[in-house]
Every structure is written in structure tokens, then in C-alpha cells.
């Protein structure tokens, strides 16, 4: 890609063989539409060297959040 900052625009006004679309839809457009509940495959036992957190985040980058948690507890982001 060249250094040209020209923005490309696509027009979707092509002719249809049997008339236009009969409907329209939008899928997963809100943050609430994306939910991940991670399954660990084991149950934490309540003691040991690890700490389990249940984190709910909205419109935050996972890497950024991991770095914030690492900074807060004083460990490397790799350890989060």
C-alpha cells in the first residue's frame, strides 16, 4: 500500500436481477452483543499461588486491561 492517504469508498448500488432486497438487518452492532464466558476446564481450589479474577469489561482492549491489572498488582503483563 502506498503512502497515499486517499480514502476508498464503495457504492453498493448495483442492479438486481429480481428487484431490490426485501429486507435488511444488522448483526452484533452493540457491545452487549459480544459476550465471552471462558470455561477453564477445572475448578479453582481456593489456595495456591494463583489468583482468579472474573472480569467484565466493556469497550476495552484485552491487552490494555491485562497491562492495567499487571501494573496494579505489580507483576509483568505476561503473568496476567
N, C-alpha and C. Protein backbone atom coordinates (compact mmCIF):
# COMPACT_ATOMS: atom_id res chain seq x y z
N UNK A 1 0.85 -1.18 0.00
CA UNK A 1 0.00 0.00 0.00
C UNK A 1 0.89 1.23 0.00
N UNK A 2 0.58 2.19 -0.80
CA UNK A 2 1.39 3.39 -0.91
C UNK A 2 1.11 4.34 0.23
N UNK A 3 1.88 5.39 0.31
CA UNK A 3 1.72 6.38 1.35
C UNK A 3 0.56 7.32 1.11
N UNK A 4 -0.19 7.11 0.06
CA UNK A 4 -1.34 7.95 -0.26
C UNK A 4 -2.43 7.74 0.78
N UNK A 5 -2.91 8.81 1.37
CA UNK A 5 -3.94 8.70 2.41
C UNK A 5 -5.34 8.81 1.83
N UNK A 6 -5.46 8.58 0.53
CA UNK A 6 -6.76 8.64 -0.13
C UNK A 6 -7.69 7.57 0.42
N UNK A 7 -8.89 7.97 0.75
CA UNK A 7 -9.87 7.03 1.29
C UNK A 7 -10.68 6.43 0.16
N UNK A 8 -10.88 5.12 0.21
CA UNK A 8 -11.64 4.43 -0.83
C UNK A 8 -13.07 4.26 -0.36
N UNK A 9 -13.99 4.56 -1.23
CA UNK A 9 -15.41 4.44 -0.92
C UNK A 9 -16.04 3.45 -1.89
N UNK A 10 -16.89 2.60 -1.37
CA UNK A 10 -17.59 1.62 -2.20
C UNK A 10 -19.07 1.96 -2.20
N UNK A 11 -19.65 2.02 -3.38
CA UNK A 11 -21.08 2.24 -3.51
C UNK A 11 -21.73 0.90 -3.84
N UNK A 12 -22.72 0.52 -3.08
CA UNK A 12 -23.41 -0.74 -3.29
C UNK A 12 -24.77 -0.49 -3.95
N UNK A 13 -24.73 0.11 -5.10
CA UNK A 13 -25.96 0.41 -5.82
C UNK A 13 -26.01 -0.34 -7.15
N UNK A 14 -25.65 -1.61 -7.10
CA UNK A 14 -25.64 -2.45 -8.28
C UNK A 14 -27.07 -2.81 -8.68
N UNK A 15 -27.29 -3.07 -9.97
CA UNK A 15 -28.63 -3.51 -10.40
C UNK A 15 -28.92 -4.92 -9.90
N UNK A 16 -30.18 -5.19 -9.63
CA UNK A 16 -30.62 -6.50 -9.16
C UNK A 16 -31.39 -7.20 -10.27
N UNK A 17 -31.28 -8.51 -10.32
CA UNK A 17 -31.97 -9.28 -11.35
C UNK A 17 -33.47 -9.34 -11.09
N UNK A 18 -33.90 -9.37 -9.83
CA UNK A 18 -35.31 -9.53 -9.48
C UNK A 18 -35.77 -8.47 -8.49
N UNK A 19 -35.40 -7.25 -8.67
CA UNK A 19 -35.77 -6.18 -7.76
C UNK A 19 -34.78 -6.09 -6.61
N UNK A 20 -34.95 -5.10 -5.77
CA UNK A 20 -34.03 -4.88 -4.65
C UNK A 20 -34.27 -5.84 -3.50
N UNK A 21 -33.46 -5.73 -2.46
CA UNK A 21 -33.62 -6.59 -1.28
C UNK A 21 -34.99 -6.37 -0.64
N UNK A 22 -35.55 -7.42 -0.06
CA UNK A 22 -36.86 -7.31 0.58
C UNK A 22 -36.74 -6.94 2.06
N UNK A 23 -35.56 -6.88 2.56
CA UNK A 23 -35.35 -6.51 3.96
C UNK A 23 -33.91 -6.17 4.21
N UNK A 24 -33.63 -5.81 5.43
CA UNK A 24 -32.25 -5.53 5.81
C UNK A 24 -32.07 -5.94 7.27
N UNK A 25 -30.83 -6.08 7.67
CA UNK A 25 -30.55 -6.49 9.04
C UNK A 25 -29.18 -5.97 9.45
N UNK A 26 -29.01 -5.85 10.74
CA UNK A 26 -27.70 -5.52 11.31
C UNK A 26 -27.45 -6.53 12.41
N UNK A 27 -26.30 -7.14 12.40
CA UNK A 27 -25.96 -8.16 13.38
C UNK A 27 -24.82 -7.67 14.26
N UNK A 28 -24.95 -7.89 15.53
CA UNK A 28 -23.89 -7.62 16.50
C UNK A 28 -23.28 -6.23 16.32
N UNK A 29 -24.05 -5.25 16.65
CA UNK A 29 -23.60 -3.88 16.49
C UNK A 29 -23.41 -3.17 17.83
N UNK A 30 -23.84 -3.78 18.91
CA UNK A 30 -23.71 -3.20 20.25
C UNK A 30 -22.70 -3.99 21.06
N UNK A 31 -21.99 -3.35 21.99
CA UNK A 31 -21.06 -4.09 22.85
C UNK A 31 -21.72 -5.25 23.59
N UNK A 32 -22.99 -5.11 23.93
CA UNK A 32 -23.70 -6.18 24.64
C UNK A 32 -23.87 -7.43 23.79
N UNK A 33 -23.70 -7.29 22.48
CA UNK A 33 -23.84 -8.43 21.58
C UNK A 33 -22.67 -9.39 21.68
N UNK A 34 -21.58 -8.97 22.29
CA UNK A 34 -20.37 -9.77 22.36
C UNK A 34 -20.12 -10.15 23.81
N UNK A 35 -20.31 -11.42 24.13
CA UNK A 35 -20.13 -11.90 25.48
C UNK A 35 -19.33 -13.19 25.44
N UNK A 36 -18.28 -13.24 26.21
CA UNK A 36 -17.45 -14.44 26.28
C UNK A 36 -17.42 -14.89 27.73
N UNK A 37 -17.81 -16.12 27.97
CA UNK A 37 -17.71 -16.71 29.30
C UNK A 37 -16.71 -17.85 29.16
N UNK A 38 -15.50 -17.61 29.64
CA UNK A 38 -14.42 -18.57 29.45
C UNK A 38 -14.60 -19.79 30.35
N UNK A 39 -14.49 -20.97 29.76
CA UNK A 39 -14.60 -22.21 30.50
C UNK A 39 -13.19 -22.72 30.76
N UNK A 40 -12.84 -22.86 32.04
CA UNK A 40 -11.48 -23.21 32.41
C UNK A 40 -11.18 -24.70 32.23
N UNK A 41 -12.14 -25.55 32.42
CA UNK A 41 -11.89 -26.98 32.36
C UNK A 41 -11.51 -27.57 33.70
N UNK A 42 -11.47 -26.73 34.72
CA UNK A 42 -11.18 -27.17 36.09
C UNK A 42 -11.78 -26.14 37.03
N UNK A 43 -11.91 -26.49 38.28
CA UNK A 43 -12.43 -25.59 39.30
C UNK A 43 -11.28 -25.10 40.18
N UNK A 44 -11.17 -23.81 40.42
CA UNK A 44 -10.16 -23.32 41.37
C UNK A 44 -10.41 -23.92 42.75
N UNK A 45 -9.34 -24.30 43.45
CA UNK A 45 -9.49 -24.96 44.75
C UNK A 45 -9.49 -23.98 45.91
N UNK A 46 -9.11 -22.73 45.67
CA UNK A 46 -9.18 -21.74 46.75
C UNK A 46 -7.87 -21.47 47.44
N UNK A 47 -6.80 -22.18 47.09
CA UNK A 47 -5.49 -21.85 47.65
C UNK A 47 -4.43 -22.10 46.59
N UNK A 48 -3.23 -21.62 46.84
CA UNK A 48 -2.14 -21.77 45.88
C UNK A 48 -1.59 -20.42 45.48
N UNK A 49 -0.73 -20.43 44.47
CA UNK A 49 -0.02 -19.21 44.09
C UNK A 49 -0.75 -18.37 43.04
N UNK A 50 -1.88 -18.82 42.58
CA UNK A 50 -2.61 -18.09 41.54
C UNK A 50 -3.83 -17.39 42.13
N UNK A 51 -4.21 -16.33 41.47
CA UNK A 51 -5.43 -15.60 41.82
C UNK A 51 -6.34 -15.61 40.59
N UNK A 52 -7.57 -16.00 40.78
CA UNK A 52 -8.54 -16.00 39.68
C UNK A 52 -9.42 -14.77 39.81
N UNK A 53 -9.57 -14.07 38.71
CA UNK A 53 -10.45 -12.90 38.67
C UNK A 53 -11.55 -13.14 37.66
N UNK A 54 -12.73 -12.70 37.99
CA UNK A 54 -13.80 -12.67 36.99
C UNK A 54 -13.91 -11.21 36.58
N UNK A 55 -13.64 -10.94 35.33
CA UNK A 55 -13.58 -9.56 34.85
C UNK A 55 -14.68 -9.36 33.81
N UNK A 56 -15.45 -8.33 34.00
CA UNK A 56 -16.41 -7.92 32.98
C UNK A 56 -15.92 -6.60 32.45
N UNK A 57 -15.74 -6.54 31.14
CA UNK A 57 -15.25 -5.31 30.54
C UNK A 57 -16.16 -4.91 29.39
N UNK A 58 -16.16 -3.66 29.09
CA UNK A 58 -16.98 -3.13 28.01
C UNK A 58 -16.14 -2.13 27.24
N UNK A 59 -16.04 -2.35 25.95
CA UNK A 59 -15.31 -1.46 25.04
C UNK A 59 -13.87 -1.23 25.52
N UNK A 60 -13.23 -2.27 26.01
CA UNK A 60 -11.82 -2.18 26.42
C UNK A 60 -11.05 -3.28 25.71
N UNK A 61 -9.84 -2.95 25.33
CA UNK A 61 -8.94 -3.90 24.70
C UNK A 61 -8.41 -4.84 25.76
N UNK A 62 -8.40 -6.14 25.48
CA UNK A 62 -7.96 -7.15 26.45
C UNK A 62 -6.51 -6.93 26.85
N UNK A 63 -5.64 -6.62 25.88
CA UNK A 63 -4.23 -6.39 26.18
C UNK A 63 -4.07 -5.20 27.12
N UNK A 64 -4.79 -4.12 26.84
CA UNK A 64 -4.71 -2.93 27.69
C UNK A 64 -5.17 -3.27 29.11
N UNK A 65 -6.26 -4.02 29.23
CA UNK A 65 -6.78 -4.38 30.54
C UNK A 65 -5.79 -5.26 31.30
N UNK A 66 -5.17 -6.21 30.62
CA UNK A 66 -4.17 -7.07 31.27
C UNK A 66 -3.00 -6.25 31.78
N UNK A 67 -2.58 -5.26 31.02
CA UNK A 67 -1.48 -4.38 31.46
C UNK A 67 -1.89 -3.57 32.68
N UNK A 68 -3.13 -3.12 32.73
CA UNK A 68 -3.60 -2.36 33.89
C UNK A 68 -3.63 -3.23 35.14
N UNK A 69 -4.11 -4.45 35.00
CA UNK A 69 -4.15 -5.38 36.14
C UNK A 69 -2.73 -5.68 36.60
N UNK A 70 -1.82 -5.94 35.66
CA UNK A 70 -0.43 -6.23 36.00
C UNK A 70 0.20 -5.07 36.75
N UNK A 71 -0.03 -3.87 36.28
CA UNK A 71 0.54 -2.69 36.94
C UNK A 71 -0.03 -2.55 38.35
N UNK A 72 -1.32 -2.79 38.50
CA UNK A 72 -1.97 -2.65 39.80
C UNK A 72 -1.41 -3.63 40.83
N UNK A 73 -1.15 -4.87 40.40
CA UNK A 73 -0.67 -5.87 41.37
C UNK A 73 0.84 -6.02 41.36
N UNK A 74 1.53 -5.29 40.48
CA UNK A 74 2.99 -5.30 40.48
C UNK A 74 3.64 -6.52 39.86
N UNK A 75 3.04 -7.03 38.77
CA UNK A 75 3.64 -8.16 38.05
C UNK A 75 3.79 -7.78 36.58
N UNK A 76 4.44 -8.65 35.81
CA UNK A 76 4.61 -8.42 34.38
C UNK A 76 3.28 -8.69 33.68
N UNK A 77 2.99 -7.92 32.62
CA UNK A 77 1.77 -8.20 31.86
C UNK A 77 1.70 -9.65 31.37
N UNK A 78 2.84 -10.24 31.09
CA UNK A 78 2.91 -11.64 30.66
C UNK A 78 2.32 -12.58 31.72
N UNK A 79 2.41 -12.18 32.99
CA UNK A 79 1.94 -13.02 34.07
C UNK A 79 0.43 -12.92 34.31
N UNK A 80 -0.19 -11.98 33.64
CA UNK A 80 -1.64 -11.82 33.81
C UNK A 80 -2.35 -12.67 32.77
